[in-house]
């Protein structure tokens, strides 16, 4: 529910600032409080701390050196009660998740900004999150692509031969090269050859990376080997 007296700070590109935008805000009894245009992302934080508005309307295309996700995080600290409505464009597709994780309140696609603005304001005023249809569509595509990439990444284990898989499993158990050679009845030089092949197929550079990759993708479980986790962690820190 909208407050009786609501304010808005406008930090939008000139393309998004028009009479229709201000008319929608006026109809909702939301007063625009900044008299001058905000030209950079950095200036958002300065004005936000001064005015602490009910709503902050931000364009992702606004110039500035700071990352927009950092701006959102800092804005939430400076004015926790301000609802941030972000207008994004095609260049933001890969960043949508980071914006949502930074606790953005609404995401609207810049191609049809005014179509969703009133709904966004009413929804975030209730403490809900608003994501327009185009943004939801792109977010779903991003998640699907990530899942496909992870599945493809996990499939690298299938490139290993049976012997290479045995060697890698031994590495995850903390077995050294000499012990592996005795365990599998092969020479140490053969063990090293298998390990080099493992590095190549998994696209890793050393034993630690290979073990972490194997554990992450299901070859073994760290939970069953807390001592191994400590060993790996120490090795990573030393590197």
C-alpha atoms as a PDB file:
ATOM      1  CA  UNK A   1       0.000   0.000   0.000  1.00  0.00           C
ATOM      2  CA  UNK A   2       1.389   3.401  -0.971  1.00  0.00           C
ATOM      3  CA  UNK A   3       2.168   5.863   1.786  1.00  0.00           C
ATOM      4  CA  UNK A   4       0.072   9.025   1.949  1.00  0.00           C
ATOM      5  CA  UNK A   5       3.247  10.976   1.254  1.00  0.00           C
ATOM      6  CA  UNK A   6       5.628   9.109  -1.058  1.00  0.00           C
ATOM      7  CA  UNK A   7       8.719  10.494  -2.738  1.00  0.00           C
ATOM      8  CA  UNK A   8      10.879   9.380  -5.626  1.00  0.00           C
ATOM      9  CA  UNK A   9      14.465  10.070  -6.573  1.00  0.00           C
ATOM     10  CA  UNK A  10      14.981   9.880 -10.333  1.00  0.00           C
ATOM     11  CA  UNK A  11      18.313   8.605 -11.706  1.00  0.00           C
ATOM     12  CA  UNK A  12      17.313   7.729 -15.246  1.00  0.00           C
ATOM     13  CA  UNK A  13      18.741   8.268 -18.716  1.00  0.00           C
ATOM     14  CA  UNK A  14      17.179  11.077 -20.741  1.00  0.00           C
ATOM     15  CA  UNK A  15      15.405   8.455 -22.876  1.00  0.00           C
ATOM     16  CA  UNK A  16      13.409   7.252 -19.874  1.00  0.00           C
ATOM     17  CA  UNK A  17      12.595  10.681 -18.476  1.00  0.00           C
ATOM     18  CA  UNK A  18       9.457  11.979 -20.156  1.00  0.00           C
ATOM     19  CA  UNK A  19       6.086  13.489 -19.361  1.00  0.00           C
ATOM     20  CA  UNK A  20       4.378  10.106 -19.218  1.00  0.00           C
ATOM     21  CA  UNK A  21       6.763   8.934 -16.517  1.00  0.00           C
ATOM     22  CA  UNK A  22       6.068  11.962 -14.350  1.00  0.00           C
ATOM     23  CA  UNK A  23       2.341  11.631 -15.002  1.00  0.00           C
ATOM     24  CA  UNK A  24       2.314   8.056 -13.704  1.00  0.00           C
ATOM     25  CA  UNK A  25       4.145   9.143 -10.560  1.00  0.00           C
ATOM     26  CA  UNK A  26       1.757  12.067 -10.122  1.00  0.00           C
ATOM     27  CA  UNK A  27      -1.287   9.799 -10.468  1.00  0.00           C
ATOM     28  CA  UNK A  28       0.140   7.599  -7.735  1.00  0.00           C
ATOM     29  CA  UNK A  29       0.762  10.685  -5.588  1.00  0.00           C
ATOM     30  CA  UNK A  30       4.504  10.114  -5.668  1.00  0.00           C
ATOM     31  CA  UNK A  31       6.468  13.354  -5.588  1.00  0.00           C
ATOM     32  CA  UNK A  32       9.774  13.644  -7.470  1.00  0.00           C
ATOM     33  CA  UNK A  33      12.187  15.328  -5.073  1.00  0.00           C
ATOM     34  CA  UNK A  34      15.372  15.875  -7.049  1.00  0.00           C
ATOM     35  CA  UNK A  35      15.200  19.085  -9.043  1.00  0.00           C
ATOM     36  CA  UNK A  36      18.376  18.475 -11.044  1.00  0.00           C
ATOM     37  CA  UNK A  37      19.181  15.415 -13.137  1.00  0.00           C
ATOM     38  CA  UNK A  38      21.465  12.770 -11.618  1.00  0.00           C
ATOM     39  CA  UNK A  39      24.210  12.230 -14.196  1.00  0.00           C
ATOM     40  CA  UNK A  40      26.352   9.445 -12.689  1.00  0.00           C
ATOM     41  CA  UNK A  41      25.942   6.346 -10.548  1.00  0.00           C
ATOM     42  CA  UNK A  42      28.114   7.891  -7.851  1.00  0.00           C
ATOM     43  CA  UNK A  43      25.768  10.877  -7.488  1.00  0.00           C
ATOM     44  CA  UNK A  44      22.925   8.485  -6.709  1.00  0.00           C
ATOM     45  CA  UNK A  45      24.485   7.665  -3.352  1.00  0.00           C
ATOM     46  CA  UNK A  46      25.009  11.320  -2.472  1.00  0.00           C
ATOM     47  CA  UNK A  47      21.391  12.271  -3.155  1.00  0.00           C
ATOM     48  CA  UNK A  48      20.027   9.092  -1.612  1.00  0.00           C
ATOM     49  CA  UNK A  49      21.726   9.792   1.694  1.00  0.00           C
ATOM     50  CA  UNK A  50      20.359  13.355   1.645  1.00  0.00           C
ATOM     51  CA  UNK A  51      16.739  12.680   0.655  1.00  0.00           C
ATOM     52  CA  UNK A  52      16.085   9.041   1.684  1.00  0.00           C
ATOM     53  CA  UNK A  53      13.141   8.723  -0.745  1.00  0.00           C
ATOM     54  CA  UNK A  54      10.373   6.132  -0.734  1.00  0.00           C
ATOM     55  CA  UNK A  55      11.390   5.025  -4.233  1.00  0.00           C
ATOM     56  CA  UNK A  56      14.590   5.226  -6.243  1.00  0.00           C
ATOM     57  CA  UNK A  57      14.238   4.846 -10.019  1.00  0.00           C
ATOM     58  CA  UNK A  58      17.587   3.916 -11.559  1.00  0.00           C
ATOM     59  CA  UNK A  59      18.724   3.318 -15.118  1.00  0.00           C
ATOM     60  CA  UNK A  60      21.473   0.716 -15.541  1.00  0.00           C
ATOM     61  CA  UNK A  61      22.856   2.716 -18.468  1.00  0.00           C
ATOM     62  CA  UNK A  62      23.684   5.686 -16.241  1.00  0.00           C
ATOM     63  CA  UNK A  63      27.424   6.486 -16.594  1.00  0.00           C
ATOM     64  CA  UNK A  64      29.874   6.031 -13.741  1.00  0.00           C
ATOM     65  CA  UNK A  65      32.914   4.048 -12.623  1.00  0.00           C
ATOM     66  CA  UNK A  66      31.256   2.042  -9.844  1.00  0.00           C
ATOM     67  CA  UNK A  67      29.644  -1.300 -10.568  1.00  0.00           C
ATOM     68  CA  UNK A  68      25.862  -1.072 -10.443  1.00  0.00           C
ATOM     69  CA  UNK A  69      25.578  -4.056  -8.093  1.00  0.00           C
ATOM     70  CA  UNK A  70      27.846  -2.241  -5.625  1.00  0.00           C
ATOM     71  CA  UNK A  71      25.676   0.845  -5.987  1.00  0.00           C
ATOM     72  CA  UNK A  72      22.568  -1.177  -5.104  1.00  0.00           C
ATOM     73  CA  UNK A  73      24.244  -2.747  -2.068  1.00  0.00           C
ATOM     74  CA  UNK A  74      25.497   0.616  -0.783  1.00  0.00           C
ATOM     75  CA  UNK A  75      22.127   2.239  -1.453  1.00  0.00           C
ATOM     76  CA  UNK A  76      20.405  -0.381   0.697  1.00  0.00           C
ATOM     77  CA  UNK A  77      22.802   0.426   3.535  1.00  0.00           C
ATOM     78  CA  UNK A  78      22.383   4.210   3.224  1.00  0.00           C
ATOM     79  CA  UNK A  79      18.572   4.076   3.012  1.00  0.00           C
ATOM     80  CA  UNK A  80      17.193   0.624   3.937  1.00  0.00           C
ATOM     81  CA  UNK A  81      13.543   1.640   3.521  1.00  0.00           C
ATOM     82  CA  UNK A  82      13.979   2.973  -0.026  1.00  0.00           C
ATOM     83  CA  UNK A  83      12.528   0.691  -2.695  1.00  0.00           C
ATOM     84  CA  UNK A  84      14.844   0.516  -5.708  1.00  0.00           C
ATOM     85  CA  UNK A  85      13.287   0.126  -9.163  1.00  0.00           C
ATOM     86  CA  UNK A  86      15.898  -0.688 -11.797  1.00  0.00           C
ATOM     87  CA  UNK A  87      15.483  -0.177 -15.544  1.00  0.00           C
ATOM     88  CA  UNK A  88      17.764  -2.521 -17.500  1.00  0.00           C
ATOM     89  CA  UNK A  89      18.638  -3.137 -21.140  1.00  0.00           C
ATOM     90  CA  UNK A  90      20.033  -5.894 -23.353  1.00  0.00           C
ATOM     91  CA  UNK A  91      23.548  -5.514 -21.926  1.00  0.00           C
ATOM     92  CA  UNK A  92      22.347  -6.512 -18.462  1.00  0.00           C
ATOM     93  CA  UNK A  93      21.169 -10.046 -19.239  1.00  0.00           C
ATOM     94  CA  UNK A  94      24.127 -11.741 -17.541  1.00  0.00           C
ATOM     95  CA  UNK A  95      23.838  -9.422 -14.513  1.00  0.00           C
ATOM     96  CA  UNK A  96      20.158  -9.881 -13.671  1.00  0.00           C
ATOM     97  CA  UNK A  97      20.887 -12.475 -10.989  1.00  0.00           C
ATOM     98  CA  UNK A  98      23.482 -10.283  -9.275  1.00  0.00           C
ATOM     99  CA  UNK A  99      20.995  -7.406  -9.155  1.00  0.00           C
ATOM    100  CA  UNK A 100      18.373  -9.627  -7.549  1.00  0.00           C
ATOM    101  CA  UNK A 101      20.882 -11.016  -5.064  1.00  0.00           C
ATOM    102  CA  UNK A 102      21.798  -7.439  -4.156  1.00  0.00           C
ATOM    103  CA  UNK A 103      18.158  -7.066  -3.015  1.00  0.00           C
ATOM    104  CA  UNK A 104      16.840  -4.926  -5.849  1.00  0.00           C
ATOM    105  CA  UNK A 105      13.091  -4.408  -5.403  1.00  0.00           C
ATOM    106  CA  UNK A 106      11.963  -4.249  -9.035  1.00  0.00           C
ATOM    107  CA  UNK A 107      13.477  -4.897 -12.463  1.00  0.00           C
ATOM    108  CA  UNK A 108      11.887  -3.384 -15.574  1.00  0.00           C
ATOM    109  CA  UNK A 109      13.045  -3.797 -19.166  1.00  0.00           C
ATOM    110  CA  UNK A 110      13.873  -0.413 -20.702  1.00  0.00           C
ATOM    111  CA  UNK A 111      12.150  -1.175 -24.003  1.00  0.00           C
ATOM    112  CA  UNK A 112       8.689  -0.841 -22.402  1.00  0.00           C
ATOM    113  CA  UNK A 113       9.409   0.988 -19.137  1.00  0.00           C
ATOM    114  CA  UNK A 114       6.103   2.737 -18.535  1.00  0.00           C
ATOM    115  CA  UNK A 115       4.043  -0.380 -19.198  1.00  0.00           C
ATOM    116  CA  UNK A 116       5.170  -1.876 -15.890  1.00  0.00           C
ATOM    117  CA  UNK A 117       6.014   1.131 -13.721  1.00  0.00           C
ATOM    118  CA  UNK A 118       2.703   1.495 -11.906  1.00  0.00           C
ATOM    119  CA  UNK A 119       2.497  -2.239 -11.174  1.00  0.00           C
ATOM    120  CA  UNK A 120       6.090  -2.228  -9.960  1.00  0.00           C
ATOM    121  CA  UNK A 121       5.521   0.686  -7.584  1.00  0.00           C
ATOM    122  CA  UNK A 122       2.361  -0.827  -6.130  1.00  0.00           C
ATOM    123  CA  UNK A 123       3.979  -4.236  -5.670  1.00  0.00           C
ATOM    124  CA  UNK A 124       7.220  -3.089  -4.037  1.00  0.00           C
ATOM    125  CA  UNK A 125       5.196  -0.789  -1.765  1.00  0.00           C
ATOM    126  CA  UNK A 126       3.690  -4.008  -0.341  1.00  0.00           C
ATOM    127  CA  UNK A 127       7.161  -5.397   0.344  1.00  0.00           C
ATOM    128  CA  UNK A 128       7.137  -7.693  -2.684  1.00  0.00           C
ATOM    129  CA  UNK A 129       9.617  -8.001  -5.562  1.00  0.00           C
ATOM    130  CA  UNK A 130       8.548  -7.098  -9.082  1.00  0.00           C
ATOM    131  CA  UNK A 131      10.137  -8.578 -12.212  1.00  0.00           C
ATOM    132  CA  UNK A 132       8.669  -7.719 -15.602  1.00  0.00           C
ATOM    133  CA  UNK A 133       7.874 -10.461 -18.122  1.00  0.00           C
ATOM    134  CA  UNK A 134      10.896  -9.867 -20.358  1.00  0.00           C
ATOM    135  CA  UNK A 135      13.257  -9.893 -17.389  1.00  0.00           C
ATOM    136  CA  UNK A 136      11.751 -13.138 -16.071  1.00  0.00           C
ATOM    137  CA  UNK A 137      12.181 -14.675 -19.530  1.00  0.00           C
ATOM    138  CA  UNK A 138      15.847 -13.667 -19.748  1.00  0.00           C
ATOM    139  CA  UNK A 139      16.480 -14.818 -16.172  1.00  0.00           C
ATOM    140  CA  UNK A 140      15.059 -18.248 -16.988  1.00  0.00           C
ATOM    141  CA  UNK A 141      17.326 -18.474 -20.048  1.00  0.00           C
ATOM    142  CA  UNK A 142      20.372 -17.560 -17.954  1.00  0.00           C
ATOM    143  CA  UNK A 143      19.575 -20.268 -15.412  1.00  0.00           C
ATOM    144  CA  UNK A 144      19.038 -22.857 -18.147  1.00  0.00           C
ATOM    145  CA  UNK A 145      22.364 -21.936 -19.761  1.00  0.00           C
ATOM    146  CA  UNK A 146      24.137 -22.251 -16.405  1.00  0.00           C
ATOM    147  CA  UNK A 147      22.597 -25.655 -15.785  1.00  0.00           C
ATOM    148  CA  UNK A 148      23.667 -26.783 -19.263  1.00  0.00           C
ATOM    149  CA  UNK A 149      27.206 -25.517 -18.663  1.00  0.00           C
ATOM    150  CA  UNK A 150      27.391 -27.317 -15.309  1.00  0.00           C
ATOM    151  CA  UNK A 151      26.164 -30.556 -16.872  1.00  0.00           C
ATOM    152  CA  UNK A 152      28.727 -30.218 -19.636  1.00  0.00           C
ATOM    153  CA  UNK A 153      31.417 -29.482 -17.077  1.00  0.00           C
ATOM    154  CA  UNK A 154      30.534 -32.572 -15.048  1.00  0.00           C
ATOM    155  CA  UNK A 155      30.694 -34.662 -18.214  1.00  0.00           C
ATOM    156  CA  UNK A 156      34.469 -34.167 -18.347  1.00  0.00           C
ATOM    157  CA  UNK A 157      34.789 -36.992 -15.817  1.00  0.00           C
ATOM    158  CA  UNK A 158      33.376 -39.301 -18.458  1.00  0.00           C
ATOM    159  CA  UNK A 159      36.420 -38.582 -20.633  1.00  0.00           C
ATOM    160  CA  UNK A 160      38.659 -40.410 -18.172  1.00  0.00           C
ATOM    161  CA  UNK A 161      39.643 -44.011 -18.799  1.00  0.00           C
ATOM    162  CA  UNK A 162      38.880 -46.597 -16.154  1.00  0.00           C
ATOM    163  CA  UNK A 163      42.481 -46.505 -14.939  1.00  0.00           C
ATOM    164  CA  UNK A 164      42.552 -42.695 -14.841  1.00  0.00           C
ATOM    165  CA  UNK A 165      39.342 -42.755 -12.826  1.00  0.00           C
ATOM    166  CA  UNK A 166      40.955 -45.154 -10.343  1.00  0.00           C
ATOM    167  CA  UNK A 167      43.960 -42.863 -10.021  1.00  0.00           C
ATOM    168  CA  UNK A 168      41.777 -39.816  -9.499  1.00  0.00           C
ATOM    169  CA  UNK A 169      39.701 -41.599  -6.867  1.00  0.00           C
ATOM    170  CA  UNK A 170      42.927 -42.488  -5.081  1.00  0.00           C
ATOM    171  CA  UNK A 171      43.998 -38.835  -5.155  1.00  0.00           C
ATOM    172  CA  UNK A 172      40.725 -37.808  -3.497  1.00  0.00           C
ATOM    173  CA  UNK A 173      41.510 -40.281  -0.711  1.00  0.00           C
ATOM    174  CA  UNK A 174      44.841 -38.597  -0.008  1.00  0.00           C
ATOM    175  CA  UNK A 175      46.948 -41.389  -1.494  1.00  0.00           C
ATOM    176  CA  UNK A 176      50.359 -40.302  -2.818  1.00  0.00           C
ATOM    177  CA  UNK A 177      51.940 -41.306  -6.114  1.00  0.00           C
ATOM    178  CA  UNK A 178      54.076 -44.087  -4.606  1.00  0.00           C
ATOM    179  CA  UNK A 179      51.104 -45.582  -2.774  1.00  0.00           C
ATOM    180  CA  UNK A 180      48.978 -45.428  -5.936  1.00  0.00           C
ATOM    181  CA  UNK A 181      51.631 -47.313  -7.886  1.00  0.00           C
ATOM    182  CA  UNK A 182      51.599 -50.110  -5.283  1.00  0.00           C
ATOM    183  CA  UNK A 183      47.814 -50.089  -4.997  1.00  0.00           C
ATOM    184  CA  UNK A 184      47.251 -50.357  -8.768  1.00  0.00           C
ATOM    185  CA  UNK A 185      50.382 -52.423  -9.516  1.00  0.00           C
ATOM    186  CA  UNK A 186      51.820 -49.853 -11.939  1.00  0.00           C
ATOM    187  CA  UNK A 187      55.046 -47.860 -11.966  1.00  0.00           C
ATOM    188  CA  UNK A 188      55.293 -44.341 -10.529  1.00  0.00           C
ATOM    189  CA  UNK A 189      56.066 -42.986 -14.003  1.00  0.00           C
ATOM    190  CA  UNK A 190      52.835 -44.542 -15.270  1.00  0.00           C
ATOM    191  CA  UNK A 191      50.976 -42.946 -12.360  1.00  0.00           C
ATOM    192  CA  UNK A 192      52.401 -39.560 -13.358  1.00  0.00           C
ATOM    193  CA  UNK A 193      51.376 -40.162 -16.965  1.00  0.00           C
ATOM    194  CA  UNK A 194      47.816 -40.930 -15.874  1.00  0.00           C
ATOM    195  CA  UNK A 195      47.764 -37.842 -13.672  1.00  0.00           C
ATOM    196  CA  UNK A 196      48.977 -35.602 -16.496  1.00  0.00           C
ATOM    197  CA  UNK A 197      46.223 -37.031 -18.705  1.00  0.00           C
ATOM    198  CA  UNK A 198      43.698 -36.289 -15.946  1.00  0.00           C
ATOM    199  CA  UNK A 199      44.888 -32.678 -15.735  1.00  0.00           C
ATOM    200  CA  UNK A 200      44.502 -32.277 -19.497  1.00  0.00           C
ATOM    201  CA  UNK A 201      41.045 -33.853 -19.709  1.00  0.00           C
ATOM    202  CA  UNK A 202      39.669 -31.953 -16.708  1.00  0.00           C
ATOM    203  CA  UNK A 203      41.341 -28.716 -17.766  1.00  0.00           C
ATOM    204  CA  UNK A 204      43.087 -28.245 -14.416  1.00  0.00           C
ATOM    205  CA  UNK A 205      46.668 -27.347 -13.548  1.00  0.00           C
ATOM    206  CA  UNK A 206      47.555 -29.358 -10.465  1.00  0.00           C
ATOM    207  CA  UNK A 207      46.586 -32.132  -8.070  1.00  0.00           C
ATOM    208  CA  UNK A 208      44.610 -29.848  -5.767  1.00  0.00           C
ATOM    209  CA  UNK A 209      42.433 -28.573  -8.597  1.00  0.00           C
ATOM    210  CA  UNK A 210      41.875 -32.106  -9.872  1.00  0.00           C
ATOM    211  CA  UNK A 211      40.804 -33.357  -6.436  1.00  0.00           C
ATOM    212  CA  UNK A 212      38.484 -30.392  -5.860  1.00  0.00           C
ATOM    213  CA  UNK A 213      36.961 -30.882  -9.308  1.00  0.00           C
ATOM    214  CA  UNK A 214      36.395 -34.591  -8.674  1.00  0.00           C
ATOM    215  CA  UNK A 215      34.793 -33.957  -5.301  1.00  0.00           C
ATOM    216  CA  UNK A 216      32.608 -31.150  -6.627  1.00  0.00           C
ATOM    217  CA  UNK A 217      31.306 -33.252  -9.502  1.00  0.00           C
ATOM    218  CA  UNK A 218      30.475 -36.334  -7.513  1.00  0.00           C
ATOM    219  CA  UNK A 219      33.431 -38.699  -7.698  1.00  0.00           C
ATOM    220  CA  UNK A 220      33.714 -38.680  -3.918  1.00  0.00           C
ATOM    221  CA  UNK A 221      32.184 -36.828  -0.969  1.00  0.00           C
ATOM    222  CA  UNK A 222      34.070 -34.296   1.159  1.00  0.00           C
ATOM    223  CA  UNK A 223      31.626 -34.868   3.994  1.00  0.00           C
ATOM    224  CA  UNK A 224      32.982 -38.403   4.446  1.00  0.00           C
ATOM    225  CA  UNK A 225      36.578 -37.180   4.537  1.00  0.00           C
ATOM    226  CA  UNK A 226      36.900 -34.133   6.806  1.00  0.00           C
ATOM    227  CA  UNK A 227      40.650 -34.760   7.140  1.00  0.00           C
ATOM    228  CA  UNK A 228      40.943 -34.634   3.358  1.00  0.00           C
ATOM    229  CA  UNK A 229      39.097 -31.327   3.232  1.00  0.00           C
ATOM    230  CA  UNK A 230      41.528 -29.843   5.721  1.00  0.00           C
ATOM    231  CA  UNK A 231      44.496 -31.130   3.715  1.00  0.00           C
ATOM    232  CA  UNK A 232      43.157 -29.722   0.460  1.00  0.00           C
ATOM    233  CA  UNK A 233      42.321 -26.378   2.040  1.00  0.00           C
ATOM    234  CA  UNK A 234      45.796 -26.051   3.520  1.00  0.00           C
ATOM    235  CA  UNK A 235      47.367 -26.871   0.141  1.00  0.00           C
ATOM    236  CA  UNK A 236      45.240 -24.235  -1.613  1.00  0.00           C
ATOM    237  CA  UNK A 237      46.163 -21.602   0.992  1.00  0.00           C
ATOM    238  CA  UNK A 238      49.858 -22.384   0.669  1.00  0.00           C
ATOM    239  CA  UNK A 239      49.664 -21.945  -3.080  1.00  0.00           C
END
